[in-house]
Amino acid sequence: MTEKCQGCPARWRGIYDDRGRLVVAMTFQSDLGDSWEWADDPGYDEKFSALGIRIGINYIIYSMTH
């Protein structure tokens, strides 16, 4: 497991359309991609990979229904 930035705060950002609907979601320093990449590695904590997968599924469902 690698550490990218010690002490850097995680951030979520979004871009909204003229009607106030979220159309783009962005994450910084959250290691969301790492949670997908390392999900099958026994050294990576399962609670983080499970949370990252749930967030990714939420992104997909939201984008398909809105």
PDB file of N, CA and C in Angstrom:
ATOM      1  N   MET A   1       0.851  -1.168   0.000  1.00  0.00           N
ATOM      2  CA  MET A   1       0.000   0.000   0.000  1.00  0.00           C
ATOM      3  C   MET A   1       0.902   1.239   0.000  1.00  0.00           C
ATOM      4  N   THR A   2       0.493   2.253  -0.736  1.00  0.00           N
ATOM      5  CA  THR A   2       1.297   3.462  -0.825  1.00  0.00           C
ATOM      6  C   THR A   2       0.545   4.642  -0.232  1.00  0.00           C
ATOM      7  N   GLU A   3       1.294   5.580   0.254  1.00  0.00           N
ATOM      8  CA  GLU A   3       0.735   6.822   0.778  1.00  0.00           C
ATOM      9  C   GLU A   3       1.086   7.929  -0.209  1.00  0.00           C
ATOM     10  N   LYS A   4       0.100   8.667  -0.657  1.00  0.00           N
ATOM     11  CA  LYS A   4       0.357   9.703  -1.644  1.00  0.00           C
ATOM     12  C   LYS A   4       0.669  11.052  -1.008  1.00  0.00           C
ATOM     13  N   CYS A   5      -0.022  11.360   0.058  1.00  0.00           N
ATOM     14  CA  CYS A   5       0.168  12.670   0.664  1.00  0.00           C
ATOM     15  C   CYS A   5      -0.228  12.602   2.134  1.00  0.00           C
ATOM     16  N   GLN A   6       0.732  12.708   3.009  1.00  0.00           N
ATOM     17  CA  GLN A   6       0.447  12.708   4.435  1.00  0.00           C
ATOM     18  C   GLN A   6      -0.105  14.070   4.838  1.00  0.00           C
ATOM     19  N   GLY A   7      -1.238  14.084   5.498  1.00  0.00           N
ATOM     20  CA  GLY A   7      -1.803  15.330   6.003  1.00  0.00           C
ATOM     21  C   GLY A   7      -2.614  16.138   5.003  1.00  0.00           C
ATOM     22  N   CYS A   8      -2.755  15.661   3.770  1.00  0.00           N
ATOM     23  CA  CYS A   8      -3.558  16.383   2.783  1.00  0.00           C
ATOM     24  C   CYS A   8      -5.034  16.048   3.010  1.00  0.00           C
ATOM     25  N   PRO A   9      -5.878  17.061   3.106  1.00  0.00           N
ATOM     26  CA  PRO A   9      -7.294  16.777   3.368  1.00  0.00           C
ATOM     27  C   PRO A   9      -8.005  16.222   2.127  1.00  0.00           C
ATOM     28  N   ALA A  10      -8.907  15.286   2.363  1.00  0.00           N
ATOM     29  CA  ALA A  10      -9.734  14.769   1.267  1.00  0.00           C
ATOM     30  C   ALA A  10     -10.756  15.834   0.897  1.00  0.00           C
ATOM     31  N   ARG A  11     -11.044  15.952  -0.383  1.00  0.00           N
ATOM     32  CA  ARG A  11     -12.003  16.957  -0.854  1.00  0.00           C
ATOM     33  C   ARG A  11     -12.933  16.359  -1.896  1.00  0.00           C
ATOM     34  N   TRP A  12     -14.153  16.801  -1.861  1.00  0.00           N
ATOM     35  CA  TRP A  12     -15.166  16.431  -2.851  1.00  0.00           C
ATOM     36  C   TRP A  12     -15.609  17.713  -3.521  1.00  0.00           C
ATOM     37  N   ARG A  13     -15.729  17.677  -4.826  1.00  0.00           N
ATOM     38  CA  ARG A  13     -16.195  18.834  -5.590  1.00  0.00           C
ATOM     39  C   ARG A  13     -17.217  18.351  -6.605  1.00  0.00           C
ATOM     40  N   GLY A  14     -18.031  19.275  -7.067  1.00  0.00           N
ATOM     41  CA  GLY A  14     -19.012  18.930  -8.074  1.00  0.00           C
ATOM     42  C   GLY A  14     -19.243  20.085  -9.021  1.00  0.00           C
ATOM     43  N   ILE A  15     -19.717  19.761 -10.198  1.00  0.00           N
ATOM     44  CA  ILE A  15     -20.134  20.761 -11.173  1.00  0.00           C
ATOM     45  C   ILE A  15     -21.633  20.576 -11.354  1.00  0.00           C
ATOM     46  N   TYR A  16     -22.349  21.666 -11.260  1.00  0.00           N
ATOM     47  CA  TYR A  16     -23.805  21.642 -11.332  1.00  0.00           C
ATOM     48  C   TYR A  16     -24.286  22.315 -12.603  1.00  0.00           C
ATOM     49  N   ASP A  17     -25.413  21.858 -13.131  1.00  0.00           N
ATOM     50  CA  ASP A  17     -25.985  22.499 -14.305  1.00  0.00           C
ATOM     51  C   ASP A  17     -26.809  23.712 -13.869  1.00  0.00           C
ATOM     52  N   ASP A  18     -27.455  24.366 -14.826  1.00  0.00           N
ATOM     53  CA  ASP A  18     -28.219  25.585 -14.537  1.00  0.00           C
ATOM     54  C   ASP A  18     -29.410  25.339 -13.626  1.00  0.00           C
ATOM     55  N   ARG A  19     -29.858  24.098 -13.532  1.00  0.00           N
ATOM     56  CA  ARG A  19     -30.994  23.768 -12.671  1.00  0.00           C
ATOM     57  C   ARG A  19     -30.558  23.264 -11.292  1.00  0.00           C
ATOM     58  N   GLY A  20     -29.253  23.313 -11.027  1.00  0.00           N
ATOM     59  CA  GLY A  20     -28.740  22.903  -9.726  1.00  0.00           C
ATOM     60  C   GLY A  20     -28.510  21.419  -9.564  1.00  0.00           C
ATOM     61  N   ARG A  21     -28.541  20.676 -10.666  1.00  0.00           N
ATOM     62  CA  ARG A  21     -28.322  19.234 -10.603  1.00  0.00           C
ATOM     63  C   ARG A  21     -26.836  18.916 -10.751  1.00  0.00           C
ATOM     64  N   LEU A  22     -26.360  17.993  -9.957  1.00  0.00           N
ATOM     65  CA  LEU A  22     -24.968  17.567 -10.019  1.00  0.00           C
ATOM     66  C   LEU A  22     -24.740  16.796 -11.316  1.00  0.00           C
ATOM     67  N   VAL A  23     -23.776  17.240 -12.126  1.00  0.00           N
ATOM     68  CA  VAL A  23     -23.490  16.550 -13.385  1.00  0.00           C
ATOM     69  C   VAL A  23     -22.085  15.947 -13.406  1.00  0.00           C
ATOM     70  N   VAL A  24     -21.187  16.439 -12.562  1.00  0.00           N
ATOM     71  CA  VAL A  24     -19.832  15.901 -12.467  1.00  0.00           C
ATOM     72  C   VAL A  24     -19.446  15.854 -10.994  1.00  0.00           C
ATOM     73  N   ALA A  25     -18.928  14.719 -10.540  1.00  0.00           N
ATOM     74  CA  ALA A  25     -18.430  14.579  -9.173  1.00  0.00           C
ATOM     75  C   ALA A  25     -16.936  14.311  -9.231  1.00  0.00           C
ATOM     76  N   MET A  26     -16.180  15.000  -8.382  1.00  0.00           N
ATOM     77  CA  MET A  26     -14.726  14.846  -8.359  1.00  0.00           C
ATOM     78  C   MET A  26     -14.261  14.620  -6.926  1.00  0.00           C
ATOM     79  N   THR A  27     -13.239  13.798  -6.769  1.00  0.00           N
ATOM     80  CA  THR A  27     -12.643  13.589  -5.458  1.00  0.00           C
ATOM     81  C   THR A  27     -11.148  13.847  -5.549  1.00  0.00           C
ATOM     82  N   PHE A  28     -10.613  14.433  -4.511  1.00  0.00           N
ATOM     83  CA  PHE A  28      -9.179  14.696  -4.422  1.00  0.00           C
ATOM     84  C   PHE A  28      -8.663  14.134  -3.112  1.00  0.00           C
ATOM     85  N   GLN A  29      -7.519  13.504  -3.138  1.00  0.00           N
ATOM     86  CA  GLN A  29      -6.866  12.958  -1.950  1.00  0.00           C
ATOM     87  C   GLN A  29      -7.765  11.994  -1.175  1.00  0.00           C
ATOM     88  N   SER A  30      -8.683  11.337  -1.858  1.00  0.00           N
ATOM     89  CA  SER A  30      -9.582  10.424  -1.154  1.00  0.00           C
ATOM     90  C   SER A  30      -9.201   8.961  -1.361  1.00  0.00           C
ATOM     91  N   ASP A  31      -8.284   8.693  -2.285  1.00  0.00           N
ATOM     92  CA  ASP A  31      -7.855   7.332  -2.608  1.00  0.00           C
ATOM     93  C   ASP A  31      -9.012   6.438  -3.029  1.00  0.00           C
ATOM     94  N   LEU A  32     -10.028   7.028  -3.636  1.00  0.00           N
ATOM     95  CA  LEU A  32     -11.159   6.248  -4.120  1.00  0.00           C
ATOM     96  C   LEU A  32     -10.705   5.222  -5.162  1.00  0.00           C
ATOM     97  N   GLY A  33      -9.849   5.636  -6.068  1.00  0.00           N
ATOM     98  CA  GLY A  33      -9.322   4.715  -7.076  1.00  0.00           C
ATOM     99  C   GLY A  33      -8.497   3.596  -6.460  1.00  0.00           C
ATOM    100  N   ASP A  34      -7.731   3.916  -5.422  1.00  0.00           N
ATOM    101  CA  ASP A  34      -6.954   2.878  -4.741  1.00  0.00           C
ATOM    102  C   ASP A  34      -7.856   1.835  -4.118  1.00  0.00           C
ATOM    103  N   SER A  35      -9.008   2.258  -3.620  1.00  0.00           N
ATOM    104  CA  SER A  35      -9.915   1.284  -3.001  1.00  0.00           C
ATOM    105  C   SER A  35     -10.413   0.270  -4.022  1.00  0.00           C
ATOM    106  N   TRP A  36     -10.524   0.669  -5.286  1.00  0.00           N
ATOM    107  CA  TRP A  36     -10.914  -0.271  -6.338  1.00  0.00           C
ATOM    108  C   TRP A  36      -9.718  -1.115  -6.762  1.00  0.00           C
ATOM    109  N   GLU A  37      -8.585  -0.452  -6.912  1.00  0.00           N
ATOM    110  CA  GLU A  37      -7.383  -1.135  -7.404  1.00  0.00           C
ATOM    111  C   GLU A  37      -6.888  -2.209  -6.427  1.00  0.00           C
ATOM    112  N   TRP A  38      -6.942  -1.937  -5.153  1.00  0.00           N
ATOM    113  CA  TRP A  38      -6.386  -2.832  -4.141  1.00  0.00           C
ATOM    114  C   TRP A  38      -7.440  -3.666  -3.425  1.00  0.00           C
ATOM    115  N   ALA A  39      -8.653  -3.714  -3.929  1.00  0.00           N
ATOM    116  CA  ALA A  39      -9.747  -4.425  -3.248  1.00  0.00           C
ATOM    117  C   ALA A  39      -9.439  -5.907  -3.028  1.00  0.00           C
ATOM    118  N   ASP A  40      -8.675  -6.522  -3.917  1.00  0.00           N
ATOM    119  CA  ASP A  40      -8.386  -7.953  -3.774  1.00  0.00           C
ATOM    120  C   ASP A  40      -7.056  -8.233  -3.065  1.00  0.00           C
ATOM    121  N   ASP A  41      -6.392  -7.200  -2.579  1.00  0.00           N
ATOM    122  CA  ASP A  41      -5.127  -7.366  -1.866  1.00  0.00           C
ATOM    123  C   ASP A  41      -5.407  -7.581  -0.376  1.00  0.00           C
ATOM    124  N   PRO A  42      -4.953  -8.691   0.192  1.00  0.00           N
ATOM    125  CA  PRO A  42      -5.221  -8.964   1.610  1.00  0.00           C
ATOM    126  C   PRO A  42      -4.621  -7.911   2.548  1.00  0.00           C
ATOM    127  N   GLY A  43      -3.625  -7.177   2.098  1.00  0.00           N
ATOM    128  CA  GLY A  43      -3.004  -6.149   2.935  1.00  0.00           C
ATOM    129  C   GLY A  43      -3.772  -4.840   2.975  1.00  0.00           C
ATOM    130  N   TYR A  44      -4.758  -4.698   2.099  1.00  0.00           N
ATOM    131  CA  TYR A  44      -5.546  -3.467   2.056  1.00  0.00           C
ATOM    132  C   TYR A  44      -6.806  -3.662   2.902  1.00  0.00           C
ATOM    133  N   ASP A  45      -7.094  -2.718   3.762  1.00  0.00           N
ATOM    134  CA  ASP A  45      -8.209  -2.843   4.700  1.00  0.00           C
ATOM    135  C   ASP A  45      -9.549  -2.948   3.968  1.00  0.00           C
ATOM    136  N   GLU A  46     -10.288  -4.008   4.238  1.00  0.00           N
ATOM    137  CA  GLU A  46     -11.554  -4.295   3.543  1.00  0.00           C
ATOM    138  C   GLU A  46     -12.577  -3.191   3.723  1.00  0.00           C
ATOM    139  N   LYS A  47     -12.589  -2.526   4.874  1.00  0.00           N
ATOM    140  CA  LYS A  47     -13.606  -1.485   5.091  1.00  0.00           C
ATOM    141  C   LYS A  47     -13.441  -0.330   4.105  1.00  0.00           C
ATOM    142  N   PHE A  48     -12.193  -0.040   3.705  1.00  0.00           N
ATOM    143  CA  PHE A  48     -11.971   1.035   2.739  1.00  0.00           C
ATOM    144  C   PHE A  48     -12.336   0.607   1.324  1.00  0.00           C
ATOM    145  N   SER A  49     -11.990  -0.624   0.961  1.00  0.00           N
ATOM    146  CA  SER A  49     -12.341  -1.080  -0.386  1.00  0.00           C
ATOM    147  C   SER A  49     -13.851  -1.221  -0.526  1.00  0.00           C
ATOM    148  N   ALA A  50     -14.531  -1.699   0.519  1.00  0.00           N
ATOM    149  CA  ALA A  50     -15.996  -1.825   0.458  1.00  0.00           C
ATOM    150  C   ALA A  50     -16.652  -0.461   0.321  1.00  0.00           C
ATOM    151  N   LEU A  51     -16.163   0.516   1.063  1.00  0.00           N
ATOM    152  CA  LEU A  51     -16.732   1.864   0.973  1.00  0.00           C
ATOM    153  C   LEU A  51     -16.494   2.454  -0.419  1.00  0.00           C
ATOM    154  N   GLY A  52     -15.293   2.294  -0.953  1.00  0.00           N
ATOM    155  CA  GLY A  52     -14.988   2.816  -2.282  1.00  0.00           C
ATOM    156  C   GLY A  52     -15.844   2.184  -3.364  1.00  0.00           C
ATOM    157  N   ILE A  53     -16.079   0.893  -3.256  1.00  0.00           N
ATOM    158  CA  ILE A  53     -16.927   0.214  -4.237  1.00  0.00           C
ATOM    159  C   ILE A  53     -18.363   0.715  -4.121  1.00  0.00           C
ATOM    160  N   ARG A  54     -18.855   0.906  -2.911  1.00  0.00           N
ATOM    161  CA  ARG A  54     -20.219   1.434  -2.734  1.00  0.00           C
ATOM    162  C   ARG A  54     -20.352   2.834  -3.321  1.00  0.00           C
ATOM    163  N   ILE A  55     -19.348   3.673  -3.121  1.00  0.00           N
ATOM    164  CA  ILE A  55     -19.388   5.030  -3.688  1.00  0.00           C
ATOM    165  C   ILE A  55     -19.388   4.948  -5.214  1.00  0.00           C
ATOM    166  N   GLY A  56     -18.557   4.081  -5.786  1.00  0.00           N
ATOM    167  CA  GLY A  56     -18.519   3.922  -7.245  1.00  0.00           C
ATOM    168  C   GLY A  56     -19.841   3.444  -7.804  1.00  0.00           C
ATOM    169  N   ILE A  57     -20.478   2.486  -7.143  1.00  0.00           N
ATOM    170  CA  ILE A  57     -21.789   1.999  -7.586  1.00  0.00           C
ATOM    171  C   ILE A  57     -22.822   3.126  -7.489  1.00  0.00           C
ATOM    172  N   ASN A  58     -22.753   3.927  -6.421  1.00  0.00           N
ATOM    173  CA  ASN A  58     -23.663   5.072  -6.304  1.00  0.00           C
ATOM    174  C   ASN A  58     -23.482   6.042  -7.464  1.00  0.00           C
ATOM    175  N   TYR A  59     -22.225   6.304  -7.866  1.00  0.00           N
ATOM    176  CA  TYR A  59     -21.970   7.171  -9.023  1.00  0.00           C
ATOM    177  C   TYR A  59     -22.646   6.609 -10.273  1.00  0.00           C
ATOM    178  N   ILE A  60     -22.492   5.327 -10.501  1.00  0.00           N
ATOM    179  CA  ILE A  60     -23.061   4.697 -11.697  1.00  0.00           C
ATOM    180  C   ILE A  60     -24.586   4.747 -11.679  1.00  0.00           C
ATOM    181  N   ILE A  61     -25.187   4.346 -10.570  1.00  0.00           N
ATOM    182  CA  ILE A  61     -26.664   4.360 -10.469  1.00  0.00           C
ATOM    183  C   ILE A  61     -27.199   5.777 -10.630  1.00  0.00           C
ATOM    184  N   TYR A  62     -26.562   6.737  -9.969  1.00  0.00           N
ATOM    185  CA  TYR A  62     -27.008   8.120 -10.081  1.00  0.00           C
ATOM    186  C   TYR A  62     -26.923   8.610 -11.522  1.00  0.00           C
ATOM    187  N   SER A  63     -25.810   8.313 -12.194  1.00  0.00           N
ATOM    188  CA  SER A  63     -25.643   8.807 -13.563  1.00  0.00           C
ATOM    189  C   SER A  63     -26.652   8.155 -14.519  1.00  0.00           C
ATOM    190  N   MET A  64     -27.073   6.951 -14.226  1.00  0.00           N
ATOM    191  CA  MET A  64     -28.029   6.263 -15.106  1.00  0.00           C
ATOM    192  C   MET A  64     -29.483   6.664 -14.838  1.00  0.00           C
ATOM    193  N   THR A  65     -29.742   7.267 -13.692  1.00  0.00           N
ATOM    194  CA  THR A  65     -31.128   7.578 -13.331  1.00  0.00           C
ATOM    195  C   THR A  65     -31.427   9.079 -13.301  1.00  0.00           C
ATOM    196  N   HIS A  66     -30.451   9.926 -13.521  1.00  0.00           N
ATOM    197  CA  HIS A  66     -30.715  11.367 -13.471  1.00  0.00           C
ATOM    198  C   HIS A  66     -30.321  12.037 -14.771  1.00  0.00           C
TER     199      HIS A  66
END
